[in-house]
């Protein structure tokens, strides 16, 4: 599972590149799969046989926002049972958005930092936690 793909669901190419650079800088060797909108990511999750290590998603995106994406995952019993760690990484972190996000059973909400050094710290904390955390086993 630790070497399974990390899904990056982000419509801003610069933000995706900054996150990827930070993950690579801290030594993450997982495959990265990129989706510019959650609808494509949802289709991937529903059709792939691969396990997914982690989903890092923005909130404000076209076609479907991050909240609706997480709701769709929760409503799909097959995806829900996989207990894929889901983290929001968003520019905005108002009290309302953070509270709303946690009602969806997410595992973290992080505000996008402005610089590479801070992004490294955010990436390091996300990855280290999920590498050490025990995951439920799901059998198809």
Protein backbone atom coordinates (compact mmCIF):
# COMPACT_ATOMS: atom_id res chain seq x y z
CA UNK A 1 0.00 0.00 0.00
CA UNK A 2 2.83 2.43 0.80
CA UNK A 3 3.97 2.25 -2.83
CA UNK A 4 0.46 2.60 -4.27
CA UNK A 5 -0.40 5.70 -6.31
CA UNK A 6 -1.14 9.08 -4.80
CA UNK A 7 -4.04 10.83 -6.54
CA UNK A 8 -3.63 14.58 -6.89
CA UNK A 9 -6.97 16.16 -7.76
CA UNK A 10 -6.17 19.76 -8.61
CA UNK A 11 -7.25 22.03 -11.45
CA UNK A 12 -4.35 24.48 -11.07
CA UNK A 13 -1.29 23.14 -12.88
CA UNK A 14 1.11 25.35 -10.89
CA UNK A 15 -0.28 24.04 -7.58
CA UNK A 16 0.02 20.44 -8.83
CA UNK A 17 3.62 21.03 -9.82
CA UNK A 18 4.49 22.69 -6.49
CA UNK A 19 2.95 19.80 -4.56
CA UNK A 20 4.68 17.21 -6.75
CA UNK A 21 8.03 18.97 -6.37
CA UNK A 22 7.60 19.00 -2.60
CA UNK A 23 6.67 15.31 -2.50
CA UNK A 24 9.68 14.40 -4.63
CA UNK A 25 11.95 16.62 -2.52
CA UNK A 26 11.01 14.71 0.62
CA UNK A 27 11.72 11.40 -1.08
CA UNK A 28 8.25 10.13 -1.97
CA UNK A 29 8.64 7.39 -4.58
CA UNK A 30 4.96 6.66 -5.18
CA UNK A 31 3.43 7.06 -8.61
CA UNK A 32 1.45 10.31 -8.92
CA UNK A 33 -1.83 10.32 -10.83
CA UNK A 34 -3.20 13.73 -11.77
CA UNK A 35 -6.81 14.70 -12.32
CA UNK A 36 -7.92 18.23 -13.17
CA UNK A 37 -11.46 17.53 -12.07
CA UNK A 38 -12.93 15.17 -9.50
CA UNK A 39 -15.32 13.50 -11.95
CA UNK A 40 -12.34 11.98 -13.79
CA UNK A 41 -10.75 10.91 -10.50
CA UNK A 42 -14.01 9.29 -9.40
CA UNK A 43 -14.23 7.32 -12.65
CA UNK A 44 -10.63 6.18 -12.16
CA UNK A 45 -11.31 5.06 -8.57
CA UNK A 46 -14.43 3.16 -9.62
CA UNK A 47 -12.67 1.28 -12.42
CA UNK A 48 -9.10 0.66 -11.24
CA UNK A 49 -7.89 -2.56 -9.68
CA UNK A 50 -4.92 -0.73 -8.10
CA UNK A 51 -4.99 0.24 -4.45
CA UNK A 52 -4.66 3.96 -3.82
CA UNK A 53 -2.33 5.18 -1.07
CA UNK A 54 -3.77 8.67 -0.66
CA UNK A 55 -6.04 11.25 -2.29
CA UNK A 56 -4.99 14.90 -2.05
CA UNK A 57 -7.76 17.12 -3.37
CA UNK A 58 -8.44 20.80 -3.84
CA UNK A 59 -11.96 22.03 -3.07
CA UNK A 60 -12.78 24.63 -5.73
CA UNK A 61 -12.65 22.91 -9.13
CA UNK A 62 -14.69 22.74 -12.32
CA UNK A 63 -17.27 20.04 -13.08
CA UNK A 64 -17.43 18.87 -9.44
CA UNK A 65 -16.04 20.48 -6.31
CA UNK A 66 -13.97 18.61 -3.74
CA UNK A 67 -16.86 18.31 -1.28
CA UNK A 68 -19.09 16.66 -3.87
CA UNK A 69 -16.19 14.40 -4.85
CA UNK A 70 -15.79 13.17 -1.27
CA UNK A 71 -19.58 12.74 -0.94
CA UNK A 72 -19.59 10.54 -4.07
CA UNK A 73 -16.77 8.42 -2.63
CA UNK A 74 -18.71 8.03 0.64
CA UNK A 75 -21.88 7.05 -1.26
CA UNK A 76 -20.10 4.36 -3.29
CA UNK A 77 -20.02 1.40 -0.91
CA UNK A 78 -17.08 -0.22 -2.74
CA UNK A 79 -14.97 2.92 -2.52
CA UNK A 80 -16.10 3.72 1.00
CA UNK A 81 -15.01 0.30 2.26
CA UNK A 82 -11.52 0.82 0.83
CA UNK A 83 -10.98 3.60 3.40
CA UNK A 84 -8.66 5.54 1.10
CA UNK A 85 -7.11 8.40 3.08
CA UNK A 86 -8.54 11.68 1.80
CA UNK A 87 -6.94 15.05 2.48
CA UNK A 88 -7.99 18.49 1.33
CA UNK A 89 -5.28 20.95 0.30
CA UNK A 90 -6.96 24.25 -0.44
CA UNK A 91 -6.13 27.93 -0.71
CA UNK A 92 -9.07 28.78 1.53
CA UNK A 93 -9.41 27.53 5.08
CA UNK A 94 -12.35 29.34 6.63
CA UNK A 95 -13.91 27.90 9.76
CA UNK A 96 -17.02 27.00 7.74
CA UNK A 97 -15.07 25.11 5.03
CA UNK A 98 -12.95 23.20 7.53
CA UNK A 99 -16.01 22.22 9.58
CA UNK A 100 -17.93 21.22 6.45
CA UNK A 101 -15.00 19.14 5.22
CA UNK A 102 -14.76 17.14 8.44
CA UNK A 103 -18.46 16.25 8.27
CA UNK A 104 -17.45 14.22 5.19
CA UNK A 105 -15.06 12.00 7.19
CA UNK A 106 -11.89 13.39 5.67
CA UNK A 107 -8.55 12.68 7.29
CA UNK A 108 -7.01 16.14 7.02
CA UNK A 109 -7.46 19.71 5.84
CA UNK A 110 -4.41 21.77 4.97
CA UNK A 111 -4.11 25.28 3.62
CA UNK A 112 -1.89 25.67 0.57
CA UNK A 113 1.29 27.41 1.59
CA UNK A 114 2.78 30.25 -0.42
CA UNK A 115 6.29 28.91 -0.83
CA UNK A 116 8.19 25.72 -1.56
CA UNK A 117 9.72 25.36 1.92
CA UNK A 118 6.33 25.51 3.59
CA UNK A 119 4.87 23.11 1.00
CA UNK A 120 7.65 20.64 1.86
CA UNK A 121 6.63 20.79 5.52
CA UNK A 122 2.96 20.23 4.69
CA UNK A 123 3.81 17.37 2.32
CA UNK A 124 6.14 15.78 4.87
CA UNK A 125 3.51 15.82 7.61
CA UNK A 126 0.82 14.34 5.34
CA UNK A 127 3.00 11.54 3.96
CA UNK A 128 4.72 10.62 7.21
CA UNK A 129 1.41 10.28 9.01
CA UNK A 130 -0.09 8.00 6.35
CA UNK A 131 3.03 5.86 6.04
CA UNK A 132 2.90 5.15 9.78
CA UNK A 133 -0.87 4.89 10.12
CA UNK A 134 -2.50 1.46 10.06
CA UNK A 135 -5.04 0.98 7.27
CA UNK A 136 -7.99 -1.39 7.26
CA UNK A 137 -7.65 -4.31 4.91
CA UNK A 138 -10.20 -4.47 2.14
CA UNK A 139 -10.82 -7.56 0.08
CA UNK A 140 -12.67 -7.42 -3.23
